[in-house]
């Protein structure tokens, strides 16, 4: 503690969220967020006011996501800025997976009283940075006390086409394609678990970064929608697990090509550094989550956007169970993120 400017009132030189209190904490966080023309009443009032007329024509998209300390992030593995990027990215990727553009984010933070106020400010910096990358703003949120850190994000966006791209629209004969990066977050997580969170190797450092602060390809969702994508999903729970969601929703088989899903050189390098095999790196590609790549199905005559690579085709499920195949055979492996598993 140190004396204030009057020489009478003590001022905490390194306050926690508990010693700072709700109103000063919120005021400090709000000051870190950029504004935008469509945010006519921003954070600080009872609610935000958005004027979307003429700025974002199209239907409104809304989604929400939650991350919990110990389940979705660790403070000894990720900075507060990383975590802010992560919660924004998770939400904006879901907007992109519907074929939309994100423009607004609401964020609620639950935290123990002993968390440094500087941590909350750094979290806000990460939120602001990812909003800037996505062309969005933070419009408001809430803070509350709790026994662990929980962050809830709610994103709003708008469609660029008359209809959203759903999981249920895949048709027999469609091609299956995905944006890049599958397996990179899982490799970063494996490095962290092995105690290599400060790797000097630039290849390993890049994988660590993509796990801590994912970089979803937001424009690719709009490009896919404009190209006529029949179905799409964000691969937050793993490529095969999320492909299964399209398959079951559309009642089809997604037959993926093993040769199109081989691990990249950086994944093989990470596996080698960890004493693992190429098969383990392949598993990262197929079942690792939190890449936030976009997996989509396109009609066979569609012009596939450059951000996507074709990895398979959609087959009929009339005589077999809807699901995911790998190289013409049903995929029988486990993997992918499952809550409570």
Protein backbone atom coordinates (compact mmCIF):
# COMPACT_ATOMS: atom_id res chain seq x y z
CA UNK A 1 0.00 0.00 0.00
CA UNK A 2 1.07 3.63 -0.49
CA UNK A 3 -0.38 7.01 0.41
CA UNK A 4 -2.62 8.79 -2.05
CA UNK A 5 -1.86 12.24 -3.41
CA UNK A 6 -3.53 13.87 -0.39
CA UNK A 7 -1.23 12.01 1.98
CA UNK A 8 -4.25 10.67 3.84
CA UNK A 9 -5.98 7.92 1.85
CA UNK A 10 -4.15 4.61 1.27
CA UNK A 11 -4.00 3.49 -2.35
CA UNK A 12 -3.29 -0.12 -3.32
CA UNK A 13 -0.36 -0.07 -5.78
CA UNK A 14 -1.24 -3.54 -7.11
CA UNK A 15 -4.97 -4.03 -6.51
CA UNK A 16 -6.94 -7.21 -6.96
CA UNK A 17 -10.45 -7.23 -8.39
CA UNK A 18 -11.69 -7.55 -4.81
CA UNK A 19 -9.83 -4.54 -3.41
CA UNK A 20 -10.55 -2.44 -6.48
CA UNK A 21 -14.30 -3.11 -6.49
CA UNK A 22 -16.83 -3.55 -9.27
CA UNK A 23 -17.30 0.00 -10.58
CA UNK A 24 -13.59 0.93 -10.86
CA UNK A 25 -12.86 -2.49 -12.37
CA UNK A 26 -15.57 -2.12 -14.99
CA UNK A 27 -14.57 1.45 -15.78
CA UNK A 28 -10.97 0.42 -16.36
CA UNK A 29 -11.94 -2.47 -18.60
CA UNK A 30 -14.39 -0.42 -20.65
CA UNK A 31 -11.70 2.11 -21.40
CA UNK A 32 -9.74 -0.56 -23.27
CA UNK A 33 -12.49 -1.39 -25.78
CA UNK A 34 -12.78 0.38 -29.15
CA UNK A 35 -16.10 1.77 -30.34
CA UNK A 36 -17.84 1.57 -33.70
CA UNK A 37 -20.49 3.56 -35.59
CA UNK A 38 -23.18 0.92 -35.05
CA UNK A 39 -22.63 0.94 -31.25
CA UNK A 40 -24.75 3.97 -30.38
CA UNK A 41 -24.80 3.20 -26.64
CA UNK A 42 -21.77 1.23 -25.53
CA UNK A 43 -20.65 -0.39 -22.27
CA UNK A 44 -21.42 1.47 -19.07
CA UNK A 45 -25.20 1.74 -19.15
CA UNK A 46 -27.85 -0.87 -18.31
CA UNK A 47 -27.69 -2.22 -21.86
CA UNK A 48 -26.02 -1.53 -25.17
CA UNK A 49 -27.86 -0.08 -28.14
CA UNK A 50 -26.95 -1.16 -31.68
CA UNK A 51 -28.04 0.56 -34.85
CA UNK A 52 -27.57 -2.13 -37.48
CA UNK A 53 -29.94 -0.68 -40.07
CA UNK A 54 -28.15 -0.23 -43.34
CA UNK A 55 -24.80 -1.30 -41.88
CA UNK A 56 -25.32 -5.06 -41.63
CA UNK A 57 -28.18 -6.13 -43.90
CA UNK A 58 -29.24 -9.71 -43.31
CA UNK A 59 -30.59 -11.90 -40.52
CA UNK A 60 -29.08 -11.62 -37.07
CA UNK A 61 -26.89 -14.47 -35.77
CA UNK A 62 -26.43 -15.02 -32.03
CA UNK A 63 -24.25 -17.57 -30.24
CA UNK A 64 -22.63 -18.02 -26.85
CA UNK A 65 -19.65 -19.89 -25.46
CA UNK A 66 -18.21 -20.45 -21.99
CA UNK A 67 -14.66 -21.14 -20.83
CA UNK A 68 -13.78 -22.27 -17.30
CA UNK A 69 -10.43 -22.15 -15.58
CA UNK A 70 -8.99 -25.64 -15.22
CA UNK A 71 -11.26 -26.99 -17.94
CA UNK A 72 -10.59 -24.71 -20.91
CA UNK A 73 -7.53 -22.73 -19.85
CA UNK A 74 -4.84 -22.48 -17.21
CA UNK A 75 -3.35 -19.20 -16.03
CA UNK A 76 0.11 -20.77 -15.79
CA UNK A 77 -0.14 -21.80 -19.47
CA UNK A 78 -1.89 -18.78 -21.02
CA UNK A 79 -1.73 -15.05 -20.47
CA UNK A 80 -4.89 -13.10 -19.79
CA UNK A 81 -4.54 -11.58 -23.26
CA UNK A 82 -4.44 -15.06 -24.79
CA UNK A 83 -7.59 -16.01 -22.90
CA UNK A 84 -9.38 -12.87 -24.07
CA UNK A 85 -8.49 -13.74 -27.65
CA UNK A 86 -9.67 -17.30 -27.13
CA UNK A 87 -13.18 -16.49 -25.85
CA UNK A 88 -13.72 -13.95 -28.63
CA UNK A 89 -12.37 -16.32 -31.29
CA UNK A 90 -14.55 -19.20 -30.15
CA UNK A 91 -17.67 -17.10 -30.51
CA UNK A 92 -16.76 -15.38 -33.76
CA UNK A 93 -15.83 -18.72 -35.35
CA UNK A 94 -19.39 -19.95 -34.69
CA UNK A 95 -20.76 -16.87 -36.46
CA UNK A 96 -18.45 -17.55 -39.40
CA UNK A 97 -19.56 -21.19 -39.49
CA UNK A 98 -23.12 -20.03 -40.17
CA UNK A 99 -21.87 -17.97 -43.11
CA UNK A 100 -21.99 -14.68 -41.24
CA UNK A 101 -19.89 -11.70 -40.26
CA UNK A 102 -19.41 -11.05 -36.52
CA UNK A 103 -19.84 -7.47 -35.33
CA UNK A 104 -20.63 -7.46 -31.61
CA UNK A 105 -19.48 -9.30 -28.48
CA UNK A 106 -20.86 -9.34 -24.93
CA UNK A 107 -18.61 -10.71 -22.19
CA UNK A 108 -19.33 -11.75 -18.60
CA UNK A 109 -16.51 -12.44 -16.15
CA UNK A 110 -16.82 -14.38 -12.90
CA UNK A 111 -13.66 -14.31 -10.80
CA UNK A 112 -12.31 -14.84 -7.29
CA UNK A 113 -11.55 -11.65 -5.38
CA UNK A 114 -7.80 -12.27 -5.27
CA UNK A 115 -7.27 -12.14 -9.06
CA UNK A 116 -5.12 -9.09 -9.89
CA UNK A 117 -7.03 -6.24 -11.49
CA UNK A 118 -4.19 -6.04 -14.03
CA UNK A 119 -5.16 -9.55 -15.17
CA UNK A 120 -8.70 -8.38 -15.95
CA UNK A 121 -7.33 -5.41 -17.87
CA UNK A 122 -5.06 -7.67 -19.89
CA UNK A 123 -8.05 -9.94 -20.61
CA UNK A 124 -9.85 -6.89 -22.00
CA UNK A 125 -6.84 -6.12 -24.19
CA UNK A 126 -7.09 -9.60 -25.71
CA UNK A 127 -10.81 -9.17 -26.31
CA UNK A 128 -10.22 -5.82 -27.96
CA UNK A 129 -7.44 -7.22 -30.16
CA UNK A 130 -9.53 -10.10 -31.48
CA UNK A 131 -12.54 -7.85 -31.99
CA UNK A 132 -10.35 -5.57 -34.10
CA UNK A 133 -9.17 -8.54 -36.18
CA UNK A 134 -12.76 -9.68 -36.72
CA UNK A 135 -14.23 -6.22 -37.35
CA UNK A 136 -16.32 -6.33 -34.17
CA UNK A 137 -16.69 -4.48 -30.86
CA UNK A 138 -17.36 -5.36 -27.23
CA UNK A 139 -20.77 -3.87 -26.42
CA UNK A 140 -20.94 -4.74 -22.73
CA UNK A 141 -21.18 -7.59 -20.25
CA UNK A 142 -21.10 -8.26 -16.53
CA UNK A 143 -18.77 -9.11 -13.65
CA UNK A 144 -19.44 -11.33 -10.66
CA UNK A 145 -17.63 -13.09 -7.82
CA UNK A 146 -17.01 -16.82 -7.82
CA UNK A 147 -14.63 -19.54 -6.70
CA UNK A 148 -13.03 -19.90 -10.15
CA UNK A 149 -12.66 -17.82 -13.28
CA UNK A 150 -15.51 -18.32 -15.73
CA UNK A 151 -15.84 -16.23 -18.89
CA UNK A 152 -18.99 -16.24 -21.01
CA UNK A 153 -18.99 -14.65 -24.43
CA UNK A 154 -22.04 -13.91 -26.58
CA UNK A 155 -21.46 -12.90 -30.18
CA UNK A 156 -23.79 -11.26 -32.66
CA UNK A 157 -23.33 -11.25 -36.41
CA UNK A 158 -25.31 -11.04 -39.62
CA UNK A 159 -25.76 -13.33 -42.59
CA UNK A 160 -24.43 -12.39 -46.02
CA UNK A 161 -26.82 -14.74 -47.82
CA UNK A 162 -30.59 -15.18 -47.45
CA UNK A 163 -30.14 -18.42 -45.52
CA UNK A 164 -27.69 -19.57 -42.89
CA UNK A 165 -25.36 -22.46 -43.73
CA UNK A 166 -26.55 -25.23 -41.40
CA UNK A 167 -25.10 -28.59 -40.41
CA UNK A 168 -28.08 -30.34 -41.94
CA UNK A 169 -27.72 -29.32 -45.59
CA UNK A 170 -25.10 -31.74 -46.94
CA UNK A 171 -26.21 -33.77 -49.99
CA UNK A 172 -24.92 -36.90 -51.64
CA UNK A 173 -22.26 -35.97 -54.19
CA UNK A 174 -21.08 -32.87 -52.33
CA UNK A 175 -17.37 -32.42 -51.77
CA UNK A 176 -16.02 -32.00 -48.24
CA UNK A 177 -13.42 -29.29 -47.62
CA UNK A 178 -11.71 -27.70 -44.63
CA UNK A 179 -9.63 -24.61 -43.95
CA UNK A 180 -6.05 -25.09 -42.80
CA UNK A 181 -4.57 -25.76 -39.41
CA UNK A 182 -6.17 -29.00 -38.24
CA UNK A 183 -4.14 -30.54 -35.43
CA UNK A 184 -2.08 -27.47 -34.55
CA UNK A 185 -3.93 -26.63 -31.34
CA UNK A 186 -3.74 -30.26 -30.19
CA UNK A 187 0.01 -30.23 -30.83
CA UNK A 188 0.34 -27.06 -28.76
CA UNK A 189 -1.63 -28.64 -25.94
CA UNK A 190 0.61 -31.72 -26.04
CA UNK A 191 3.67 -29.48 -25.77
CA UNK A 192 2.20 -27.70 -22.75
CA UNK A 193 1.40 -30.97 -21.02
CA UNK A 194 4.98 -32.08 -21.64
CA UNK A 195 6.33 -28.97 -19.93
CA UNK A 196 7.52 -27.30 -23.14
CA UNK A 197 5.46 -24.16 -22.80
CA UNK A 198 8.49 -21.91 -23.27
CA UNK A 199 9.93 -23.66 -26.33
CA UNK A 200 12.49 -21.51 -28.14
CA UNK A 201 12.08 -23.51 -31.34
CA UNK A 202 10.00 -21.19 -33.61
CA UNK A 203 8.01 -24.12 -35.04
CA UNK A 204 6.99 -25.31 -31.59
CA UNK A 205 6.39 -21.74 -30.41
CA UNK A 206 3.93 -21.22 -33.27
CA UNK A 207 1.99 -24.36 -32.27
CA UNK A 208 1.87 -23.20 -28.66
CA UNK A 209 0.58 -19.83 -29.78
CA UNK A 210 -2.21 -21.35 -31.86
CA UNK A 211 -3.42 -23.35 -28.88
CA UNK A 212 -3.31 -20.40 -26.51
CA UNK A 213 -4.76 -17.83 -28.91
CA UNK A 214 -6.47 -19.42 -31.94
CA UNK A 215 -6.72 -17.57 -35.26
CA UNK A 216 -9.99 -18.63 -36.95
CA UNK A 217 -10.38 -17.75 -40.64
CA UNK A 218 -13.48 -15.56 -40.29
CA UNK A 219 -13.65 -14.38 -43.94
CA UNK A 220 -13.67 -18.00 -45.12
CA UNK A 221 -17.12 -18.50 -43.63
CA UNK A 222 -18.55 -15.68 -45.73
CA UNK A 223 -16.67 -16.94 -48.80
CA UNK A 224 -18.09 -20.43 -48.31
CA UNK A 225 -21.63 -19.11 -47.98
CA UNK A 226 -21.29 -17.01 -51.14
CA UNK A 227 -19.86 -20.05 -52.96
CA UNK A 228 -23.01 -22.03 -52.13
CA UNK A 229 -21.80 -24.21 -49.24
CA UNK A 230 -24.51 -26.70 -48.31
CA UNK A 231 -23.32 -27.36 -44.74
CA UNK A 232 -20.64 -25.96 -42.45
CA UNK A 233 -19.31 -26.24 -38.90
CA UNK A 234 -16.51 -24.86 -36.73
CA UNK A 235 -14.13 -27.69 -35.77
CA UNK A 236 -13.84 -26.69 -32.12
CA UNK A 237 -14.25 -30.29 -30.90
CA UNK A 238 -12.06 -32.03 -33.47
CA UNK A 239 -12.29 -32.65 -37.21
CA UNK A 240 -13.89 -36.11 -37.11
CA UNK A 241 -16.20 -35.33 -34.19
CA UNK A 242 -17.56 -32.22 -35.90
CA UNK A 243 -17.74 -34.00 -39.27
CA UNK A 244 -19.95 -36.53 -37.49
CA UNK A 245 -22.27 -33.71 -36.48
CA UNK A 246 -22.73 -32.74 -40.13
CA UNK A 247 -23.18 -36.39 -41.11
CA UNK A 248 -25.84 -37.13 -38.52
CA UNK A 249 -27.66 -33.82 -39.02
CA UNK A 250 -27.71 -34.37 -42.81
CA UNK A 251 -28.21 -38.16 -42.62
CA UNK A 252 -25.27 -38.85 -44.91
CA UNK A 253 -21.77 -40.31 -44.79
CA UNK A 254 -18.76 -37.99 -44.93
CA UNK A 255 -16.01 -40.10 -46.47
CA UNK A 256 -12.69 -38.42 -45.75
CA UNK A 257 -9.47 -39.11 -47.64
CA UNK A 258 -6.51 -40.17 -45.44
CA UNK A 259 -4.04 -38.82 -48.00
CA UNK A 260 -5.65 -35.38 -47.73
CA UNK A 261 -5.31 -35.36 -43.95
CA UNK A 262 -1.67 -36.26 -43.48
CA UNK A 263 0.09 -34.34 -40.70
CA UNK A 264 2.08 -31.32 -41.82
CA UNK A 265 5.83 -30.97 -41.32
CA UNK A 266 5.41 -28.85 -38.19
CA UNK A 267 3.16 -31.45 -36.57
CA UNK A 268 5.64 -34.22 -37.40
CA UNK A 269 8.42 -32.09 -35.93
CA UNK A 270 6.45 -31.56 -32.71
CA UNK A 271 5.67 -35.27 -32.45
CA UNK A 272 9.34 -36.12 -32.87
CA UNK A 273 10.37 -33.60 -30.19
CA UNK A 274 7.87 -35.23 -27.82
CA UNK A 275 9.04 -38.76 -28.61
CA UNK A 276 5.80 -39.54 -30.42
CA UNK A 277 5.15 -41.16 -33.79
CA UNK A 278 3.68 -39.88 -37.08
CA UNK A 279 0.53 -41.80 -36.12
CA UNK A 280 0.20 -39.58 -33.06
CA UNK A 281 0.54 -36.50 -35.25
CA UNK A 282 -2.17 -37.94 -37.52
CA UNK A 283 -4.38 -38.30 -34.45
CA UNK A 284 -3.94 -34.59 -33.72
CA UNK A 285 -5.25 -33.82 -37.22
CA UNK A 286 -8.26 -36.13 -36.95
CA UNK A 287 -9.37 -35.68 -33.36
CA UNK A 288 -7.60 -32.64 -31.90
CA UNK A 289 -9.95 -29.78 -31.05
CA UNK A 290 -9.84 -26.00 -30.68
CA UNK A 291 -8.38 -25.36 -34.11
CA UNK A 292 -11.56 -23.48 -35.06
CA UNK A 293 -11.05 -24.39 -38.70
CA UNK A 294 -14.17 -24.38 -40.88
CA UNK A 295 -15.37 -27.71 -42.27
CA UNK A 296 -17.83 -27.35 -45.14
CA UNK A 297 -19.63 -29.31 -47.82
CA UNK A 298 -20.04 -27.86 -51.32
CA UNK A 299 -22.07 -28.92 -54.36
CA UNK A 300 -19.82 -30.69 -56.89
CA UNK A 301 -20.01 -27.79 -59.34
CA UNK A 302 -19.21 -25.10 -56.75
CA UNK A 303 -16.09 -22.97 -56.97
CA UNK A 304 -14.32 -23.94 -53.74
CA UNK A 305 -12.86 -20.84 -52.01
CA UNK A 306 -9.07 -20.70 -51.88
CA UNK A 307 -9.03 -20.96 -48.09
CA UNK A 308 -10.45 -24.50 -48.29
CA UNK A 309 -8.81 -27.79 -49.28
CA UNK A 310 -10.91 -30.73 -50.48
CA UNK A 311 -10.61 -33.69 -48.09
CA UNK A 312 -13.47 -36.01 -49.07
CA UNK A 313 -16.94 -36.48 -50.45
CA UNK A 314 -20.49 -37.02 -49.23
CA UNK A 315 -21.96 -40.48 -49.76
CA UNK A 316 -25.44 -41.89 -49.26
CA UNK A 317 -26.38 -43.40 -45.92
CA UNK A 318 -29.37 -45.36 -47.21
CA UNK A 319 -27.87 -48.77 -46.45
CA UNK A 320 -25.41 -47.76 -43.75
CA UNK A 321 -25.55 -45.64 -40.65
CA UNK A 322 -24.90 -41.95 -41.10
CA UNK A 323 -21.41 -41.14 -39.93
CA UNK A 324 -17.79 -40.49 -40.84
CA UNK A 325 -15.66 -42.81 -42.95
CA UNK A 326 -11.93 -42.67 -43.51
CA UNK A 327 -10.75 -44.02 -46.84
CA UNK A 328 -13.98 -45.86 -47.53
CA UNK A 329 -14.24 -47.52 -44.10
CA UNK A 330 -16.19 -46.37 -41.03
CA UNK A 331 -14.06 -44.37 -38.60
CA UNK A 332 -14.07 -46.32 -35.34
CA UNK A 333 -11.65 -44.27 -33.28
CA UNK A 334 -12.46 -42.09 -30.32
CA UNK A 335 -11.23 -38.60 -29.68
CA UNK A 336 -12.44 -35.05 -29.92
CA UNK A 337 -13.52 -32.89 -27.02
CA UNK A 338 -16.33 -34.22 -24.83
CA UNK A 339 -17.54 -32.34 -21.76
CA UNK A 340 -17.68 -34.47 -18.59
CA UNK A 341 -15.72 -37.29 -20.28
